[in-house]
N, C-alpha and C. Protein backbone atom coordinates (compact mmCIF):
# COMPACT_ATOMS: atom_id res chain seq x y z
N UNK A 1 27.56 -2.48 -27.34
CA UNK A 1 26.58 -1.53 -26.85
C UNK A 1 27.32 -0.47 -26.05
N UNK A 2 27.07 0.77 -26.36
CA UNK A 2 27.74 1.89 -25.71
C UNK A 2 27.00 2.30 -24.44
N UNK A 3 27.75 2.55 -23.38
CA UNK A 3 27.18 3.01 -22.12
C UNK A 3 26.88 4.50 -22.20
N UNK A 4 27.64 5.19 -22.97
CA UNK A 4 27.44 6.63 -23.11
C UNK A 4 28.46 7.41 -22.31
N UNK A 5 28.56 8.67 -22.64
CA UNK A 5 29.52 9.55 -21.99
C UNK A 5 29.05 9.87 -20.57
N UNK A 6 29.93 9.77 -19.58
CA UNK A 6 29.52 10.08 -18.21
C UNK A 6 29.26 11.58 -18.05
N UNK A 7 28.42 11.92 -17.08
CA UNK A 7 28.15 13.33 -16.78
C UNK A 7 29.41 14.00 -16.24
N UNK A 8 29.51 15.27 -16.49
CA UNK A 8 30.58 16.09 -15.96
C UNK A 8 30.45 16.13 -14.43
N UNK A 9 31.57 15.99 -13.71
CA UNK A 9 31.53 15.99 -12.24
C UNK A 9 30.97 17.29 -11.67
N UNK A 10 31.19 18.39 -12.36
CA UNK A 10 30.66 19.68 -11.89
C UNK A 10 29.14 19.64 -11.86
N UNK A 11 28.54 19.06 -12.91
CA UNK A 11 27.08 18.96 -12.96
C UNK A 11 26.57 18.03 -11.86
N UNK A 12 27.29 16.96 -11.60
CA UNK A 12 26.88 16.03 -10.54
C UNK A 12 26.95 16.71 -9.17
N UNK A 13 28.00 17.47 -8.94
CA UNK A 13 28.13 18.18 -7.65
C UNK A 13 27.03 19.22 -7.50
N UNK A 14 26.70 19.90 -8.61
CA UNK A 14 25.67 20.94 -8.57
C UNK A 14 24.31 20.34 -8.17
N UNK A 15 24.06 19.11 -8.56
CA UNK A 15 22.80 18.45 -8.19
C UNK A 15 22.64 18.43 -6.67
N UNK A 16 23.74 18.21 -5.94
CA UNK A 16 23.67 18.15 -4.49
C UNK A 16 23.83 19.51 -3.82
N UNK A 17 24.68 20.37 -4.40
CA UNK A 17 24.95 21.66 -3.76
C UNK A 17 23.90 22.71 -4.07
N UNK A 18 23.21 22.60 -5.20
CA UNK A 18 22.18 23.58 -5.58
C UNK A 18 20.92 22.81 -5.97
N UNK A 19 20.20 22.27 -4.99
CA UNK A 19 19.02 21.45 -5.29
C UNK A 19 17.97 22.22 -6.09
N UNK A 20 17.33 21.52 -7.00
CA UNK A 20 16.36 22.15 -7.90
C UNK A 20 14.97 22.25 -7.28
N UNK A 21 14.62 21.34 -6.38
CA UNK A 21 13.28 21.37 -5.80
C UNK A 21 13.37 21.69 -4.31
N UNK A 22 12.27 22.18 -3.77
CA UNK A 22 12.26 22.54 -2.34
C UNK A 22 12.43 21.30 -1.46
N UNK A 23 11.88 20.17 -1.85
CA UNK A 23 12.03 18.94 -1.05
C UNK A 23 13.49 18.51 -1.02
N UNK A 24 14.15 18.57 -2.17
CA UNK A 24 15.56 18.20 -2.21
C UNK A 24 16.40 19.20 -1.41
N UNK A 25 16.03 20.47 -1.49
CA UNK A 25 16.76 21.51 -0.75
C UNK A 25 16.62 21.27 0.76
N UNK A 26 15.43 20.93 1.23
CA UNK A 26 15.23 20.62 2.64
C UNK A 26 16.08 19.42 3.05
N UNK A 27 16.05 18.38 2.21
CA UNK A 27 16.82 17.17 2.51
C UNK A 27 18.31 17.48 2.62
N UNK A 28 18.85 18.16 1.63
CA UNK A 28 20.29 18.46 1.61
C UNK A 28 20.68 19.36 2.79
N UNK A 29 19.84 20.33 3.13
CA UNK A 29 20.14 21.22 4.26
C UNK A 29 20.14 20.43 5.57
N UNK A 30 19.13 19.59 5.77
CA UNK A 30 19.07 18.79 7.00
C UNK A 30 20.22 17.79 7.07
N UNK A 31 20.58 17.22 5.92
CA UNK A 31 21.71 16.28 5.89
C UNK A 31 23.01 16.99 6.27
N UNK A 32 23.20 18.20 5.72
CA UNK A 32 24.41 18.96 6.05
C UNK A 32 24.46 19.28 7.54
N UNK A 33 23.33 19.61 8.14
CA UNK A 33 23.29 19.97 9.56
C UNK A 33 23.44 18.74 10.46
N UNK A 34 22.65 17.70 10.22
CA UNK A 34 22.65 16.54 11.11
C UNK A 34 23.79 15.56 10.85
N UNK A 35 24.14 15.32 9.59
CA UNK A 35 25.16 14.31 9.27
C UNK A 35 26.55 14.92 9.20
N UNK A 36 26.68 16.02 8.47
CA UNK A 36 27.99 16.64 8.33
C UNK A 36 28.31 17.57 9.50
N UNK A 37 27.34 17.79 10.38
CA UNK A 37 27.49 18.59 11.59
C UNK A 37 27.99 20.00 11.31
N UNK A 38 27.48 20.60 10.24
CA UNK A 38 27.82 21.99 9.93
C UNK A 38 27.00 22.91 10.83
N UNK A 39 27.47 24.11 11.00
CA UNK A 39 26.79 25.09 11.84
C UNK A 39 25.44 25.46 11.23
N UNK A 40 24.47 25.64 12.09
CA UNK A 40 23.11 25.95 11.66
C UNK A 40 23.06 27.20 10.79
N UNK A 41 23.74 28.25 11.21
CA UNK A 41 23.71 29.51 10.46
C UNK A 41 24.34 29.34 9.07
N UNK A 42 25.44 28.57 8.99
CA UNK A 42 26.10 28.34 7.71
C UNK A 42 25.21 27.55 6.76
N UNK A 43 24.56 26.50 7.27
CA UNK A 43 23.67 25.69 6.44
C UNK A 43 22.49 26.55 5.95
N UNK A 44 21.93 27.35 6.85
CA UNK A 44 20.81 28.22 6.48
C UNK A 44 21.23 29.16 5.35
N UNK A 45 22.39 29.78 5.48
CA UNK A 45 22.88 30.71 4.45
C UNK A 45 23.10 29.99 3.13
N UNK A 46 23.76 28.82 3.19
CA UNK A 46 24.11 28.09 1.97
C UNK A 46 22.88 27.62 1.20
N UNK A 47 21.82 27.25 1.90
CA UNK A 47 20.63 26.72 1.22
C UNK A 47 19.49 27.73 1.11
N UNK A 48 19.76 28.99 1.45
CA UNK A 48 18.79 30.04 1.23
C UNK A 48 17.69 30.16 2.28
N UNK A 49 17.96 29.73 3.50
CA UNK A 49 16.98 29.86 4.58
C UNK A 49 17.41 31.00 5.50
N UNK A 50 16.44 31.59 6.16
CA UNK A 50 16.80 32.51 7.25
C UNK A 50 17.20 31.63 8.43
N UNK A 51 18.04 32.12 9.35
CA UNK A 51 18.44 31.29 10.49
C UNK A 51 17.23 30.78 11.28
N UNK A 52 16.23 31.62 11.50
CA UNK A 52 15.04 31.19 12.23
C UNK A 52 14.23 30.17 11.46
N UNK A 53 14.11 30.37 10.15
CA UNK A 53 13.37 29.42 9.30
C UNK A 53 14.02 28.05 9.28
N UNK A 54 15.36 28.04 9.26
CA UNK A 54 16.06 26.76 9.27
C UNK A 54 15.89 26.05 10.62
N UNK A 55 15.89 26.83 11.72
CA UNK A 55 15.66 26.22 13.04
C UNK A 55 14.27 25.57 13.10
N UNK A 56 13.28 26.23 12.51
CA UNK A 56 11.92 25.66 12.47
C UNK A 56 11.92 24.37 11.65
N UNK A 57 12.65 24.36 10.54
CA UNK A 57 12.75 23.15 9.71
C UNK A 57 13.39 22.01 10.51
N UNK A 58 14.46 22.31 11.25
CA UNK A 58 15.12 21.29 12.08
C UNK A 58 14.18 20.77 13.16
N UNK A 59 13.46 21.68 13.78
CA UNK A 59 12.52 21.30 14.83
C UNK A 59 11.44 20.37 14.26
N UNK A 60 10.88 20.73 13.11
CA UNK A 60 9.85 19.90 12.48
C UNK A 60 10.42 18.53 12.11
N UNK A 61 11.67 18.50 11.66
CA UNK A 61 12.31 17.24 11.30
C UNK A 61 12.48 16.34 12.52
N UNK A 62 12.94 16.91 13.64
CA UNK A 62 13.14 16.11 14.86
C UNK A 62 11.83 15.58 15.40
N UNK A 63 10.74 16.28 15.17
CA UNK A 63 9.43 15.85 15.66
C UNK A 63 8.72 14.92 14.66
N UNK A 64 9.35 14.66 13.52
CA UNK A 64 8.75 13.77 12.52
C UNK A 64 7.58 14.41 11.80
N UNK A 65 7.58 15.72 11.70
CA UNK A 65 6.45 16.43 11.10
C UNK A 65 6.64 16.70 9.60
N UNK A 66 7.74 16.29 9.04
CA UNK A 66 7.96 16.46 7.61
C UNK A 66 7.54 15.20 6.87
N UNK A 67 6.98 15.35 5.69
CA UNK A 67 6.64 14.15 4.92
C UNK A 67 7.93 13.43 4.50
N UNK A 68 7.78 12.18 4.09
CA UNK A 68 8.94 11.40 3.65
C UNK A 68 9.63 12.08 2.47
N UNK A 69 10.94 12.05 2.50
CA UNK A 69 11.70 12.63 1.39
C UNK A 69 11.74 11.69 0.20
N UNK A 70 11.73 10.41 0.47
CA UNK A 70 11.85 9.43 -0.60
C UNK A 70 10.54 8.66 -0.69
N UNK A 71 9.94 8.73 -1.84
CA UNK A 71 8.64 8.06 -2.03
C UNK A 71 8.85 6.55 -2.05
N UNK A 72 8.01 5.87 -1.33
CA UNK A 72 8.02 4.42 -1.39
C UNK A 72 6.89 4.01 -2.31
N UNK A 73 7.20 3.12 -3.20
CA UNK A 73 6.17 2.70 -4.15
C UNK A 73 5.31 1.61 -3.51
N UNK A 74 4.06 1.70 -3.77
CA UNK A 74 3.16 0.65 -3.31
C UNK A 74 2.58 -0.03 -4.54
N UNK A 75 2.34 -1.31 -4.44
CA UNK A 75 1.80 -1.99 -5.63
C UNK A 75 0.43 -1.42 -6.00
N UNK A 76 0.14 -1.46 -7.26
CA UNK A 76 -1.15 -0.96 -7.74
C UNK A 76 -2.29 -1.84 -7.29
N UNK A 77 -3.48 -1.48 -7.70
CA UNK A 77 -4.63 -2.28 -7.30
C UNK A 77 -4.54 -3.70 -7.83
N UNK A 78 -4.98 -4.62 -7.03
CA UNK A 78 -4.94 -6.04 -7.42
C UNK A 78 -6.03 -6.40 -8.41
N UNK A 79 -7.09 -5.62 -8.42
CA UNK A 79 -8.13 -5.89 -9.39
C UNK A 79 -8.49 -4.61 -10.12
N UNK A 80 -9.07 -4.77 -11.27
CA UNK A 80 -9.45 -3.63 -12.09
C UNK A 80 -10.98 -3.59 -12.11
N UNK A 81 -11.57 -2.67 -11.36
CA UNK A 81 -13.02 -2.67 -11.20
C UNK A 81 -13.81 -2.67 -12.51
N UNK A 82 -13.39 -1.87 -13.47
CA UNK A 82 -14.13 -1.82 -14.73
C UNK A 82 -14.06 -3.15 -15.46
N UNK A 83 -12.84 -3.72 -15.55
CA UNK A 83 -12.70 -5.01 -16.23
C UNK A 83 -13.43 -6.10 -15.48
N UNK A 84 -13.36 -6.07 -14.15
CA UNK A 84 -14.03 -7.08 -13.35
C UNK A 84 -15.54 -7.06 -13.60
N UNK A 85 -16.10 -5.85 -13.69
CA UNK A 85 -17.54 -5.72 -13.92
C UNK A 85 -17.90 -6.25 -15.30
N UNK A 86 -17.11 -5.92 -16.30
CA UNK A 86 -17.38 -6.38 -17.67
C UNK A 86 -17.25 -7.90 -17.74
N UNK A 87 -16.23 -8.45 -17.09
CA UNK A 87 -16.08 -9.91 -17.09
C UNK A 87 -17.27 -10.60 -16.45
N UNK A 88 -17.74 -10.05 -15.34
CA UNK A 88 -18.89 -10.65 -14.66
C UNK A 88 -20.13 -10.57 -15.53
N UNK A 89 -20.30 -9.45 -16.23
CA UNK A 89 -21.44 -9.33 -17.15
C UNK A 89 -21.34 -10.36 -18.28
N UNK A 90 -20.12 -10.54 -18.81
CA UNK A 90 -19.93 -11.53 -19.89
C UNK A 90 -20.22 -12.94 -19.38
N UNK A 91 -19.78 -13.24 -18.17
CA UNK A 91 -20.07 -14.56 -17.60
C UNK A 91 -21.58 -14.77 -17.45
N UNK A 92 -22.27 -13.73 -17.00
CA UNK A 92 -23.72 -13.85 -16.81
C UNK A 92 -24.42 -14.07 -18.14
N UNK A 93 -23.99 -13.35 -19.17
CA UNK A 93 -24.58 -13.54 -20.51
C UNK A 93 -24.33 -14.96 -20.98
N UNK A 94 -23.11 -15.48 -20.77
CA UNK A 94 -22.80 -16.84 -21.19
C UNK A 94 -23.67 -17.84 -20.43
N UNK A 95 -23.82 -17.63 -19.10
CA UNK A 95 -24.67 -18.53 -18.31
C UNK A 95 -26.11 -18.51 -18.82
N UNK A 96 -26.59 -17.31 -19.12
CA UNK A 96 -27.95 -17.19 -19.65
C UNK A 96 -28.09 -17.91 -20.99
N UNK A 97 -27.06 -17.79 -21.82
CA UNK A 97 -27.08 -18.46 -23.13
C UNK A 97 -27.08 -19.98 -22.95
N UNK A 98 -26.26 -20.46 -22.05
CA UNK A 98 -26.18 -21.91 -21.80
C UNK A 98 -27.50 -22.43 -21.23
N UNK A 99 -28.16 -21.63 -20.40
CA UNK A 99 -29.40 -22.06 -19.76
C UNK A 99 -30.63 -21.91 -20.66
N UNK A 100 -30.49 -21.30 -21.83
CA UNK A 100 -31.64 -21.12 -22.71
C UNK A 100 -32.12 -22.47 -23.24
N UNK A 101 -33.42 -22.67 -23.28
CA UNK A 101 -33.92 -23.91 -23.89
C UNK A 101 -33.70 -23.88 -25.39
N UNK A 102 -33.16 -24.96 -25.93
CA UNK A 102 -32.88 -25.03 -27.36
C UNK A 102 -32.79 -26.49 -27.78
N UNK A 103 -32.94 -26.69 -29.09
CA UNK A 103 -32.79 -28.03 -29.66
C UNK A 103 -31.44 -28.05 -30.37
N UNK A 104 -30.58 -28.99 -30.03
CA UNK A 104 -29.23 -29.06 -30.61
C UNK A 104 -29.15 -30.29 -31.51
N UNK A 105 -28.67 -30.05 -32.75
CA UNK A 105 -28.47 -31.14 -33.70
C UNK A 105 -27.02 -31.09 -34.16
N UNK A 106 -26.32 -32.23 -34.03
CA UNK A 106 -24.90 -32.28 -34.41
C UNK A 106 -24.76 -33.20 -35.61
N UNK A 107 -24.17 -32.68 -36.71
CA UNK A 107 -23.87 -33.48 -37.89
C UNK A 107 -22.36 -33.46 -38.11
N UNK A 108 -21.91 -34.10 -39.17
CA UNK A 108 -20.48 -34.11 -39.47
C UNK A 108 -19.95 -32.72 -39.86
N UNK A 109 -20.83 -31.88 -40.43
CA UNK A 109 -20.39 -30.57 -40.90
C UNK A 109 -20.72 -29.43 -39.94
N UNK A 110 -21.79 -29.57 -39.16
CA UNK A 110 -22.17 -28.43 -38.34
C UNK A 110 -22.92 -28.84 -37.08
N UNK A 111 -23.01 -27.84 -36.20
CA UNK A 111 -23.79 -27.98 -34.97
C UNK A 111 -24.89 -26.91 -35.07
N UNK A 112 -26.14 -27.37 -35.11
CA UNK A 112 -27.27 -26.45 -35.20
C UNK A 112 -27.88 -26.30 -33.82
N UNK A 113 -28.12 -25.06 -33.45
CA UNK A 113 -28.79 -24.77 -32.19
C UNK A 113 -30.05 -23.97 -32.53
N UNK A 114 -31.20 -24.61 -32.34
CA UNK A 114 -32.48 -23.95 -32.63
C UNK A 114 -33.08 -23.49 -31.30
N UNK A 115 -33.16 -22.17 -31.15
CA UNK A 115 -33.70 -21.59 -29.92
C UNK A 115 -35.22 -21.48 -30.03
N UNK A 116 -35.88 -21.60 -28.92
CA UNK A 116 -37.31 -21.36 -28.87
C UNK A 116 -37.52 -19.85 -28.82
N UNK A 117 -38.59 -19.38 -29.39
CA UNK A 117 -38.84 -17.94 -29.54
C UNK A 117 -38.66 -17.15 -28.25
N UNK A 118 -39.17 -17.62 -27.16
CA UNK A 118 -39.12 -16.85 -25.91
C UNK A 118 -37.72 -16.83 -25.29
N UNK A 119 -36.83 -17.61 -25.81
CA UNK A 119 -35.52 -17.76 -25.17
C UNK A 119 -34.47 -16.78 -25.68
N UNK A 120 -34.78 -15.96 -26.67
CA UNK A 120 -33.75 -15.10 -27.27
C UNK A 120 -33.26 -14.02 -26.33
N UNK A 121 -31.98 -13.91 -26.28
CA UNK A 121 -31.37 -12.78 -25.58
C UNK A 121 -31.13 -11.69 -26.61
N UNK A 122 -31.40 -10.44 -26.29
CA UNK A 122 -31.13 -9.36 -27.24
C UNK A 122 -29.67 -9.32 -27.68
N UNK A 123 -28.76 -9.63 -26.79
CA UNK A 123 -27.34 -9.60 -27.15
C UNK A 123 -27.00 -10.66 -28.19
N UNK A 124 -27.59 -11.84 -28.07
CA UNK A 124 -27.34 -12.90 -29.05
C UNK A 124 -27.91 -12.48 -30.40
N UNK A 125 -29.09 -11.88 -30.39
CA UNK A 125 -29.68 -11.41 -31.66
C UNK A 125 -28.81 -10.32 -32.28
N UNK A 126 -28.30 -9.40 -31.46
CA UNK A 126 -27.49 -8.29 -31.97
C UNK A 126 -26.10 -8.74 -32.40
N UNK A 127 -25.66 -9.90 -31.97
CA UNK A 127 -24.29 -10.35 -32.26
C UNK A 127 -24.08 -10.69 -33.72
N UNK A 128 -25.15 -10.96 -34.46
CA UNK A 128 -25.01 -11.35 -35.86
C UNK A 128 -24.73 -12.82 -36.04
N UNK A 129 -24.72 -13.59 -34.96
CA UNK A 129 -24.45 -15.02 -35.06
C UNK A 129 -25.59 -15.78 -35.74
N UNK A 130 -26.79 -15.21 -35.74
CA UNK A 130 -27.90 -15.88 -36.41
C UNK A 130 -27.75 -15.80 -37.91
N UNK A 131 -26.99 -14.84 -38.40
CA UNK A 131 -26.83 -14.65 -39.83
C UNK A 131 -25.71 -15.50 -40.42
N UNK A 132 -24.73 -15.87 -39.60
CA UNK A 132 -23.53 -16.56 -40.10
C UNK A 132 -23.31 -17.87 -39.36
N UNK A 133 -22.79 -18.84 -40.07
CA UNK A 133 -22.32 -20.06 -39.41
C UNK A 133 -20.85 -19.83 -39.06
N UNK A 134 -20.50 -20.08 -37.81
CA UNK A 134 -19.15 -19.78 -37.32
C UNK A 134 -18.38 -21.08 -37.14
N UNK A 135 -17.16 -21.18 -37.72
CA UNK A 135 -16.37 -22.40 -37.52
C UNK A 135 -15.89 -22.52 -36.07
N UNK A 136 -15.94 -23.74 -35.55
CA UNK A 136 -15.50 -23.99 -34.17
C UNK A 136 -14.30 -24.92 -34.23
N UNK A 137 -13.09 -24.41 -33.98
CA UNK A 137 -11.86 -25.21 -34.16
C UNK A 137 -11.83 -26.48 -33.32
N UNK A 138 -12.28 -26.43 -32.09
CA UNK A 138 -12.18 -27.60 -31.23
C UNK A 138 -13.25 -28.65 -31.52
N UNK A 139 -14.13 -28.38 -32.50
CA UNK A 139 -15.12 -29.37 -32.95
C UNK A 139 -14.75 -29.85 -34.34
N UNK A 140 -13.49 -30.04 -34.60
CA UNK A 140 -12.97 -30.51 -35.90
C UNK A 140 -13.43 -29.63 -37.05
N UNK A 141 -13.50 -28.34 -36.81
CA UNK A 141 -13.87 -27.40 -37.87
C UNK A 141 -15.36 -27.35 -38.17
N UNK A 142 -16.19 -28.05 -37.40
CA UNK A 142 -17.64 -27.95 -37.62
C UNK A 142 -18.06 -26.50 -37.44
N UNK A 143 -19.15 -26.16 -38.14
CA UNK A 143 -19.65 -24.79 -38.05
C UNK A 143 -20.80 -24.75 -37.05
N UNK A 144 -20.86 -23.68 -36.28
CA UNK A 144 -21.94 -23.47 -35.33
C UNK A 144 -22.98 -22.58 -36.00
N UNK A 145 -24.19 -23.09 -36.08
CA UNK A 145 -25.27 -22.34 -36.72
C UNK A 145 -26.38 -22.15 -35.68
N UNK A 146 -26.70 -20.87 -35.41
CA UNK A 146 -27.79 -20.55 -34.51
C UNK A 146 -29.03 -20.27 -35.34
N UNK A 147 -30.14 -20.89 -34.94
CA UNK A 147 -31.37 -20.77 -35.72
C UNK A 147 -32.48 -20.30 -34.81
N UNK A 148 -33.30 -19.34 -35.33
CA UNK A 148 -34.45 -18.85 -34.54
C UNK A 148 -35.59 -19.83 -34.65
């Protein structure tokens, strides 16, 4: 597996000496002034600030008035509201289905569930399960048949 050709050192230096964004330019200018202890006027000239503008930037930095230069990531939401709502609705439909009065008959080939007329849920009717017998793997392949 190839790592690839390294970047040219001139391009790497340019990233730090000629920042592309204003946030990076502020960071590099403040770093040059505070860490490398370069003269304020020289740093202002090199990074395109007026001497007074750079002094204001330094003042704001010392007072903690600048936003963070490096974004800290925070974990995303622990729950997904839309999915949570849909799951709760599905659970409620299942509970309603389980609580419906019905007559259950189990044979070797199938499980018949005969619902009483008043017990039908519109979702169960719309599901098409009344039209088809559905195989249930955990019941040794028996078919589930819903009957009105």
